[in-house]
Each structure stands twice: as structure tokens, then as C-alpha cells.
C-alpha atoms as a PDB file:
ATOM      1  CA  MET A   1     144.477  90.666  71.098  1.00  0.00           C
ATOM      2  CA  ALA A   2     140.345  90.662  71.903  1.00  0.00           C
ATOM      3  CA  ALA A   3     139.002  87.642  73.935  1.00  0.00           C
ATOM      4  CA  LYS A   4     136.289  85.860  71.943  1.00  0.00           C
ATOM      5  CA  GLN A   5     133.087  86.761  73.273  1.00  0.00           C
ATOM      6  CA  SER A   6     131.111  83.537  74.495  1.00  0.00           C
ATOM      7  CA  THR A   7     127.239  83.563  72.605  1.00  0.00           C
ATOM      8  CA  GLU A   8     126.545  81.415  75.271  1.00  0.00           C
ATOM      9  CA  ALA A   9     123.711  82.041  78.125  1.00  0.00           C
ATOM     10  CA  PRO A  10     124.974  82.476  81.384  1.00  0.00           C
ATOM     11  CA  ARG A  11     123.829  79.484  83.868  1.00  0.00           C
ATOM     12  CA  THR A  12     121.702  80.201  86.610  1.00  0.00           C
ATOM     13  CA  GLU A  13     121.401  78.123  90.008  1.00  0.00           C
ATOM     14  CA  ALA A  14     118.395  76.693  90.859  1.00  0.00           C
ATOM     15  CA  PRO A  15     116.838  78.395  93.729  1.00  0.00           C
ATOM     16  CA  ALA A  16     117.853  76.120  96.841  1.00  0.00           C
ATOM     17  CA  GLY A  17     115.369  73.066  97.155  1.00  0.00           C
ATOM     18  CA  THR A  18     113.622  73.251  93.532  1.00  0.00           C
ATOM     19  CA  GLU A  19     115.422  69.506  92.378  1.00  0.00           C
ATOM     20  CA  ASP A  20     114.272  68.260  96.363  1.00  0.00           C
ATOM     21  CA  ARG A  21     110.565  69.281  95.448  1.00  0.00           C
ATOM     22  CA  ALA A  22     110.705  67.819  91.997  1.00  0.00           C
ATOM     23  CA  ARG A  23     111.892  64.424  93.075  1.00  0.00           C
ATOM     24  CA  LEU A  24     109.211  64.500  96.159  1.00  0.00           C
ATOM     25  CA  SER A  25     105.770  63.883  96.088  1.00  0.00           C
ATOM     26  CA  LYS A  26     103.010  64.595  98.812  1.00  0.00           C
ATOM     27  CA  THR A  27     102.903  60.613  98.968  1.00  0.00           C
ATOM     28  CA  ALA A  28     106.444  59.961 100.005  1.00  0.00           C
ATOM     29  CA  VAL A  29     106.196  62.751 102.699  1.00  0.00           C
ATOM     30  CA  VAL A  30     103.255  61.022 104.227  1.00  0.00           C
ATOM     31  CA  ASP A  31     104.488  57.316 103.945  1.00  0.00           C
ATOM     32  CA  GLN A  32     107.616  57.986 105.694  1.00  0.00           C
ATOM     33  CA  ALA A  33     106.334  60.505 108.389  1.00  0.00           C
ATOM     34  CA  LEU A  34     104.190  57.981 108.821  1.00  0.00           C
ATOM     35  CA  ALA A  35     106.873  55.121 109.449  1.00  0.00           C
ATOM     36  CA  LEU A  36     109.309  57.287 111.618  1.00  0.00           C
ATOM     37  CA  ALA A  37     106.125  58.142 113.936  1.00  0.00           C
ATOM     38  CA  ASP A  38     104.756  54.415 113.835  1.00  0.00           C
ATOM     39  CA  ALA A  39     108.401  53.612 115.072  1.00  0.00           C
ATOM     40  CA  LEU A  40     109.632  56.452 117.333  1.00  0.00           C
ATOM     41  CA  GLY A  41     106.083  58.146 117.968  1.00  0.00           C
ATOM     42  CA  LEU A  42     104.592  61.811 117.031  1.00  0.00           C
ATOM     43  CA  GLU A  43     106.614  63.797 119.288  1.00  0.00           C
ATOM     44  CA  ALA A  44     109.631  62.545 117.444  1.00  0.00           C
ATOM     45  CA  LEU A  45     108.297  63.428 114.303  1.00  0.00           C
ATOM     46  CA  THR A  46     109.679  66.572 113.406  1.00  0.00           C
ATOM     47  CA  MET A  47     110.421  68.666 109.940  1.00  0.00           C
ATOM     48  CA  ARG A  48     113.612  68.778 110.321  1.00  0.00           C
ATOM     49  CA  ARG A  49     113.990  64.341 110.765  1.00  0.00           C
ATOM     50  CA  LEU A  50     111.714  63.717 108.334  1.00  0.00           C
ATOM     51  CA  ALA A  51     113.919  65.947 105.877  1.00  0.00           C
ATOM     52  CA  GLN A  52     116.846  64.232 106.987  1.00  0.00           C
ATOM     53  CA  GLU A  53     115.180  60.791 106.645  1.00  0.00           C
ATOM     54  CA  LEU A  54     114.021  61.245 103.039  1.00  0.00           C
ATOM     55  CA  GLY A  55     117.585  62.850 102.399  1.00  0.00           C
ATOM     56  CA  VAL A  56     116.018  66.162 101.534  1.00  0.00           C
ATOM     57  CA  THR A  57     116.323  69.978 102.994  1.00  0.00           C
ATOM     58  CA  THR A  58     113.474  70.986 105.354  1.00  0.00           C
ATOM     59  CA  MET A  59     112.667  73.427 103.061  1.00  0.00           C
ATOM     60  CA  ALA A  60     111.853  70.522 100.312  1.00  0.00           C
ATOM     61  CA  LEU A  61     108.916  69.729 102.708  1.00  0.00           C
ATOM     62  CA  TYR A  62     107.259  73.166 103.058  1.00  0.00           C
ATOM     63  CA  TRP A  63     106.385  72.675 100.171  1.00  0.00           C
ATOM     64  CA  HIS A  64     103.960  70.302 100.084  1.00  0.00           C
ATOM     65  CA  PHE A  65     102.424  71.132 103.929  1.00  0.00           C
ATOM     66  CA  ARG A  66     103.383  74.388 105.582  1.00  0.00           C
ATOM     67  CA  SER A  67     103.584  73.287 109.166  1.00  0.00           C
ATOM     68  CA  LYS A  68     103.557  69.620 111.599  1.00  0.00           C
ATOM     69  CA  GLU A  69      99.949  70.621 111.901  1.00  0.00           C
ATOM     70  CA  GLU A  70      99.371  70.553 108.193  1.00  0.00           C
ATOM     71  CA  LEU A  71     100.962  67.068 108.348  1.00  0.00           C
ATOM     72  CA  LEU A  72      99.620  65.618 111.135  1.00  0.00           C
ATOM     73  CA  ALA A  73      96.245  66.373 108.902  1.00  0.00           C
ATOM     74  CA  GLY A  74      97.217  64.591 106.299  1.00  0.00           C
ATOM     75  CA  LEU A  75      98.648  61.384 108.309  1.00  0.00           C
ATOM     76  CA  GLY A  76      95.753  61.625 109.860  1.00  0.00           C
ATOM     77  CA  ASP A  77      93.536  61.543 106.632  1.00  0.00           C
ATOM     78  CA  ARG A  78      96.032  58.495 105.626  1.00  0.00           C
ATOM     79  CA  VAL A  79      94.912  56.355 108.560  1.00  0.00           C
ATOM     80  CA  TRP A  80      91.687  57.132 108.207  1.00  0.00           C
ATOM     81  CA  ALA A  81      91.633  56.220 104.638  1.00  0.00           C
ATOM     82  CA  GLU A  82      93.038  52.807 105.631  1.00  0.00           C
ATOM     83  CA  ILE A  83      89.524  51.821 107.013  1.00  0.00           C
ATOM     84  CA  ASP A  84      87.742  49.822 104.558  1.00  0.00           C
ATOM     85  CA  ILE A  85      84.322  51.321 103.546  1.00  0.00           C
ATOM     86  CA  ASP A  86      83.452  48.978 100.961  1.00  0.00           C
ATOM     87  CA  LEU A  87      80.510  47.225 102.384  1.00  0.00           C
ATOM     88  CA  ASP A  88      78.443  44.021 101.316  1.00  0.00           C
ATOM     89  CA  PRO A  89      75.448  45.903  99.947  1.00  0.00           C
ATOM     90  CA  ALA A  90      73.275  42.412 101.510  1.00  0.00           C
ATOM     91  CA  ALA A  91      74.841  42.100 104.527  1.00  0.00           C
ATOM     92  CA  ASP A  92      72.793  42.949 107.381  1.00  0.00           C
ATOM     93  CA  TRP A  93      73.699  46.835 109.294  1.00  0.00           C
ATOM     94  CA  SER A  94      75.192  45.292 112.441  1.00  0.00           C
ATOM     95  CA  VAL A  95      77.271  42.598 110.133  1.00  0.00           C
ATOM     96  CA  GLN A  96      78.338  45.944 108.184  1.00  0.00           C
ATOM     97  CA  LEU A  97      78.973  47.863 111.362  1.00  0.00           C
ATOM     98  CA  ARG A  98      80.632  45.077 112.595  1.00  0.00           C
ATOM     99  CA  GLY A  99      83.122  45.486 109.539  1.00  0.00           C
ATOM    100  CA  LEU A 100      83.684  48.745 110.129  1.00  0.00           C
ATOM    101  CA  LEU A 101      84.598  48.392 113.726  1.00  0.00           C
ATOM    102  CA  GLU A 102      86.829  45.705 113.231  1.00  0.00           C
ATOM    103  CA  SER A 103      88.919  47.877 110.229  1.00  0.00           C
ATOM    104  CA  LEU A 104      88.948  50.268 112.468  1.00  0.00           C
ATOM    105  CA  VAL A 105      90.922  48.198 115.245  1.00  0.00           C
ATOM    106  CA  GLN A 106      93.268  46.351 112.355  1.00  0.00           C
ATOM    107  CA  MET A 107      94.302  50.398 111.441  1.00  0.00           C
ATOM    108  CA  LEU A 108      94.709  51.083 114.895  1.00  0.00           C
ATOM    109  CA  ARG A 109      96.884  48.239 115.377  1.00  0.00           C
ATOM    110  CA  ALA A 110      98.448  48.305 112.403  1.00  0.00           C
ATOM    111  CA  HIS A 111      99.814  51.897 113.305  1.00  0.00           C
ATOM    112  CA  PRO A 112     101.027  52.584 116.753  1.00  0.00           C
ATOM    113  CA  CYS A 113     100.928  56.291 116.392  1.00  0.00           C
ATOM    114  CA  ALA A 114      96.949  56.392 115.286  1.00  0.00           C
ATOM    115  CA  SER A 115      95.905  56.185 118.054  1.00  0.00           C
ATOM    116  CA  GLN A 116      97.099  59.599 119.215  1.00  0.00           C
ATOM    117  CA  LEU A 117      96.303  61.300 116.007  1.00  0.00           C
ATOM    118  CA  LEU A 118      92.038  59.741 116.501  1.00  0.00           C
ATOM    119  CA  LEU A 119      92.374  61.367 119.665  1.00  0.00           C
ATOM    120  CA  SER A 120      93.336  64.683 118.664  1.00  0.00           C
ATOM    121  CA  GLY A 121      90.108  65.445 116.651  1.00  0.00           C
ATOM    122  CA  GLU A 122      91.163  68.487 115.154  1.00  0.00           C
ATOM    123  CA  LYS A 123      92.958  66.043 112.822  1.00  0.00           C
ATOM    124  CA  LEU A 124      90.374  64.238 111.537  1.00  0.00           C
ATOM    125  CA  HIS A 125      87.922  66.713 109.093  1.00  0.00           C
ATOM    126  CA  GLY A 126      89.768  65.267 105.968  1.00  0.00           C
ATOM    127  CA  GLU A 127      88.006  63.606 103.356  1.00  0.00           C
ATOM    128  CA  ALA A 128      88.444  60.259 103.973  1.00  0.00           C
ATOM    129  CA  SER A 129      87.514  60.612 108.111  1.00  0.00           C
ATOM    130  CA  LEU A 130      84.235  62.139 106.471  1.00  0.00           C
ATOM    131  CA  LEU A 131      83.667  59.443 104.023  1.00  0.00           C
ATOM    132  CA  ALA A 132      84.186  56.415 107.167  1.00  0.00           C
ATOM    133  CA  THR A 133      81.803  58.315 109.122  1.00  0.00           C
ATOM    134  CA  GLU A 134      79.001  59.181 106.704  1.00  0.00           C
ATOM    135  CA  THR A 135      79.258  55.496 106.053  1.00  0.00           C
ATOM    136  CA  ALA A 136      79.070  54.387 109.459  1.00  0.00           C
ATOM    137  CA  LEU A 137      75.536  56.972 110.143  1.00  0.00           C
ATOM    138  CA  ALA A 138      74.016  55.601 106.453  1.00  0.00           C
ATOM    139  CA  VAL A 139      74.331  52.089 108.357  1.00  0.00           C
ATOM    140  CA  LEU A 140      72.982  52.853 111.319  1.00  0.00           C
ATOM    141  CA  GLN A 141      70.346  54.982 110.486  1.00  0.00           C
ATOM    142  CA  ARG A 142      69.272  51.043 108.166  1.00  0.00           C
ATOM    143  CA  GLY A 143      69.353  49.653 111.644  1.00  0.00           C
ATOM    144  CA  GLY A 144      66.789  52.528 112.898  1.00  0.00           C
ATOM    145  CA  PHE A 145      68.380  54.604 114.487  1.00  0.00           C
ATOM    146  CA  ASP A 146      68.084  58.329 113.982  1.00  0.00           C
ATOM    147  CA  ALA A 147      70.211  60.781 113.570  1.00  0.00           C
ATOM    148  CA  ALA A 148      70.934  61.840 116.868  1.00  0.00           C
ATOM    149  CA  ARG A 149      71.317  58.194 118.396  1.00  0.00           C
ATOM    150  CA  ALA A 150      73.012  57.462 115.395  1.00  0.00           C
ATOM    151  CA  SER A 151      75.850  60.232 115.808  1.00  0.00           C
ATOM    152  CA  GLU A 152      76.126  58.824 119.641  1.00  0.00           C
ATOM    153  CA  ILE A 153      76.904  55.278 118.616  1.00  0.00           C
ATOM    154  CA  ALA A 154      79.244  56.168 115.845  1.00  0.00           C
ATOM    155  CA  ARG A 155      81.625  58.115 118.264  1.00  0.00           C
ATOM    156  CA  SER A 156      81.205  55.093 120.885  1.00  0.00           C
ATOM    157  CA  ALA A 157      82.447  53.153 117.782  1.00  0.00           C
ATOM    158  CA  MET A 158      85.628  54.946 117.487  1.00  0.00           C
ATOM    159  CA  TRP A 159      86.409  55.605 121.622  1.00  0.00           C
ATOM    160  CA  THR A 160      85.948  51.359 121.541  1.00  0.00           C
ATOM    161  CA  GLY A 161      88.259  50.807 118.589  1.00  0.00           C
ATOM    162  CA  LEU A 162      90.473  53.285 120.862  1.00  0.00           C
ATOM    163  CA  MET A 163      89.770  51.651 124.332  1.00  0.00           C
ATOM    164  CA  LEU A 164      90.603  48.349 122.859  1.00  0.00           C
ATOM    165  CA  VAL A 165      94.036  48.920 121.426  1.00  0.00           C
ATOM    166  CA  MET A 166      94.793  50.953 124.181  1.00  0.00           C
ATOM    167  CA  SER A 167      93.790  48.489 126.800  1.00  0.00           C
ATOM    168  CA  GLU A 168      95.452  45.363 125.737  1.00  0.00           C
ATOM    169  CA  PRO A 169      97.178  44.060 128.265  1.00  0.00           C
ATOM    170  CA  GLY A 170     100.960  45.400 128.072  1.00  0.00           C
ATOM    171  CA  TYR A 171     100.028  48.168 125.154  1.00  0.00           C
ATOM    172  CA  ASP A 172     102.802  50.946 125.202  1.00  0.00           C
ATOM    173  CA  PRO A 173     104.103  51.890 121.732  1.00  0.00           C
ATOM    174  CA  GLY A 174     106.519  54.517 123.650  1.00  0.00           C
ATOM    175  CA  ILE A 175     108.539  51.585 124.967  1.00  0.00           C
ATOM    176  CA  THR A 176     110.400  48.263 123.971  1.00  0.00           C
ATOM    177  CA  PRO A 177     109.242  44.966 124.458  1.00  0.00           C
ATOM    178  CA  GLU A 178     111.928  44.367 126.711  1.00  0.00           C
ATOM    179  CA  GLU A 179     110.828  46.799 128.553  1.00  0.00           C
ATOM    180  CA  ARG A 180     107.077  45.388 127.999  1.00  0.00           C
ATOM    181  CA  THR A 181     108.216  42.451 129.447  1.00  0.00           C
ATOM    182  CA  GLU A 182     109.886  43.337 132.519  1.00  0.00           C
ATOM    183  CA  HIS A 183     106.657  46.061 133.041  1.00  0.00           C
ATOM    184  CA  GLN A 184     104.467  43.235 133.128  1.00  0.00           C
ATOM    185  CA  ARG A 185     106.606  40.960 135.168  1.00  0.00           C
ATOM    186  CA  GLN A 186     106.757  43.721 137.999  1.00  0.00           C
ATOM    187  CA  THR A 187     103.036  44.225 137.973  1.00  0.00           C
ATOM    188  CA  LEU A 188     102.311  40.429 137.663  1.00  0.00           C
ATOM    189  CA  ILE A 189     104.442  39.960 141.147  1.00  0.00           C
ATOM    190  CA  ARG A 190     102.744  42.920 142.354  1.00  0.00           C
ATOM    191  CA  LEU A 191      99.114  41.784 142.108  1.00  0.00           C
ATOM    192  CA  ALA A 192     100.003  38.020 143.172  1.00  0.00           C
ATOM    193  CA  MET A 193     101.315  39.144 146.310  1.00  0.00           C
ATOM    194  CA  LEU A 194      98.195  41.294 147.276  1.00  0.00           C
ATOM    195  CA  PRO A 195      96.849  39.547 150.343  1.00  0.00           C
ATOM    196  CA  PRO A 196      94.344  36.893 149.195  1.00  0.00           C
ATOM    197  CA  SER A 197      92.223  37.611 152.102  1.00  0.00           C
ATOM    198  CA  ARG A 198      91.153  41.359 150.906  1.00  0.00           C
ATOM    199  CA  PHE A 199      91.541  40.562 147.320  1.00  0.00           C
ATOM    200  CA  PRO A 200      90.817  37.072 146.329  1.00  0.00           C
ATOM    201  CA  CYS A 201      89.891  37.547 142.544  1.00  0.00           C
ATOM    202  CA  LEU A 202      92.608  39.829 141.951  1.00  0.00           C
ATOM    203  CA  VAL A 203      94.998  37.552 143.237  1.00  0.00           C
ATOM    204  CA  ALA A 204      93.619  34.601 141.304  1.00  0.00           C
ATOM    205  CA  ALA A 205      93.427  36.790 138.018  1.00  0.00           C
ATOM    206  CA  ALA A 206      96.565  38.207 138.013  1.00  0.00           C
ATOM    207  CA  GLY A 207      98.176  36.616 134.811  1.00  0.00           C
ATOM    208  CA  PRO A 208      95.501  37.514 132.913  1.00  0.00           C
ATOM    209  CA  MET A 209      95.617  41.158 134.203  1.00  0.00           C
ATOM    210  CA  THR A 210      98.491  41.983 133.322  1.00  0.00           C
ATOM    211  CA  ALA A 211      99.717  40.349 129.598  1.00  0.00           C
ATOM    212  CA  CYS A 212      97.524  39.849 126.759  1.00  0.00           C
ATOM    213  CA  ASP A 213      97.837  35.841 126.123  1.00  0.00           C
ATOM    214  CA  ASP A 214      95.808  36.356 123.403  1.00  0.00           C
ATOM    215  CA  PRO A 215      95.144  39.353 121.711  1.00  0.00           C
ATOM    216  CA  GLU A 216      92.948  38.091 119.344  1.00  0.00           C
ATOM    217  CA  PHE A 217      90.419  37.170 122.176  1.00  0.00           C
ATOM    218  CA  HIS A 218      90.496  40.643 123.799  1.00  0.00           C
ATOM    219  CA  TYR A 219      89.937  42.132 120.212  1.00  0.00           C
ATOM    220  CA  ARG A 220      86.964  40.059 119.321  1.00  0.00           C
ATOM    221  CA  PHE A 221      85.626  39.645 122.473  1.00  0.00           C
ATOM    222  CA  GLY A 222      85.565  44.125 123.156  1.00  0.00           C
ATOM    223  CA  ILE A 223      83.774  43.938 119.523  1.00  0.00           C
ATOM    224  CA  ASP A 224      81.229  41.419 120.207  1.00  0.00           C
ATOM    225  CA  LEU A 225      80.165  43.562 123.872  1.00  0.00           C
ATOM    226  CA  PHE A 226      79.829  46.651 121.693  1.00  0.00           C
ATOM    227  CA  ILE A 227      77.940  44.865 119.090  1.00  0.00           C
ATOM    228  CA  ALA A 228      75.555  43.443 121.087  1.00  0.00           C
ATOM    229  CA  GLY A 229      74.662  46.597 122.926  1.00  0.00           C
ATOM    230  CA  VAL A 230      74.267  48.534 119.987  1.00  0.00           C
ATOM    231  CA  ALA A 231      71.855  45.121 118.386  1.00  0.00           C
ATOM    232  CA  ALA A 232      70.080  45.674 121.550  1.00  0.00           C
ATOM    233  CA  ALA A 233      69.580  49.429 121.118  1.00  0.00           C
ATOM    234  CA  ALA A 234      68.025  48.749 118.163  1.00  0.00           C
ATOM    235  CA  GLU A 235      65.418  46.167 119.620  1.00  0.00           C
ATOM    236  CA  ARG A 236      64.349  48.682 121.873  1.00  0.00           C
END
């Protein structure tokens, strides 16, 4: 007796990673990559580790980002997008500039990996970074600076934000809070035990030179200095 011939079309297997790609968005990849880099550092961010965190295959990530360099560029654009460029048009140009710098510092403090991203300039040519830079240049031109001087000040503003975050006493995103406390303690002891006859100012300032008891003052004072300097240059 002849077997009954099936009329159903043969089933085809989907290529590996197809289902992962279908349920994975570019935004979701960047969000998880940023969270991972903030927690563990950019060095720990690999395509394989990121795929494991997302519960997908590594090939599913390459559907959205062809390389780690392209992924880092996406992260750079993401952190730049957090800078608030929606300025009050009625505010004085110096107030607008302060707002941009404060927003930059806020973003850098929120994302420990952002400082390293901004230090690698090749990652900063996305739409968000271009818009932030355009806004800063326009503000400075309203303050009376020509294109050359506005460009120098805009670059200095970025470096000021980076310096403030990375120079905060005790700042080191690569160590645990416990390790940071111990490092500060050892540094405090080392400074306090210096010969007071040779280093009287350092011995007296051993505490504030070692730890940042008032981080808000650290940032506010640094931003005040920068804005005051730019305002003085505008008057000249």
C-alpha cells in the first residue's frame, strides 16, 4: 500500500540569529552597552559580553553594529544626546553657556564611562555631538567671539567638564567604594606626615586635598571660574 503523500510545504529553518534580530533594537543594544560600560568600564565591554547580557547571539549584535568601534560611536552619540541644548532664548549668553557646561558635567557624572568616550575624539562626530557643538558656538558668537575664539572656548569648555569630573578627589571609576576609601585614607596619612617646616600648606590641607567632602562645591566653583574667565575675555 502506497504511503499517503503530504501536501504540506516543507518547513525551512530560519537563519541563526534571525529571531534575536527581530526582537532586538539598536536602542536596546546601546542602552545595555552603556549600562555595562558604566558598571565595569569600557575595557570590559565586548560584543560577546554584551550579547550574553542581552540573551542573544553575538551575530545578532553585528546586525546592528558591524564592529566594536561602531558600537562605541553609538555610545558616544548617546551620551552627547543627554546634554540639554534647549536653551532659554531670552537668557544672557553667559547664562546659556553655563547651562551647557552644567549639563555636560551632569552627563559625565551620571556615566562613568563617558569621560573615556569623550577623550577619544573619533567617536564624537555623530548628530548629537554636532548639535551640541553648534549650539555652543552660536552662544559664544552672541557673546562677541569670532569663529576662531569661539572654537577655542568651546573646546576648553569640554576639557573643563572632563577635568572637573576626573579631578574630583577620590574619583576613580575603576575601583570599588571600599578601595577608594582606603586609597584616600593612605593619601591623607602620607600628606599629613610630611615635614610641616617644608610643606606647611600641604599638611594643613591634607584633608581637602585627599577627599571631596562637598562635591557640589567642587563642580560649582570650577564652573564659576570658567564662566568668569570667558566673561572677562568677552569684555576685553
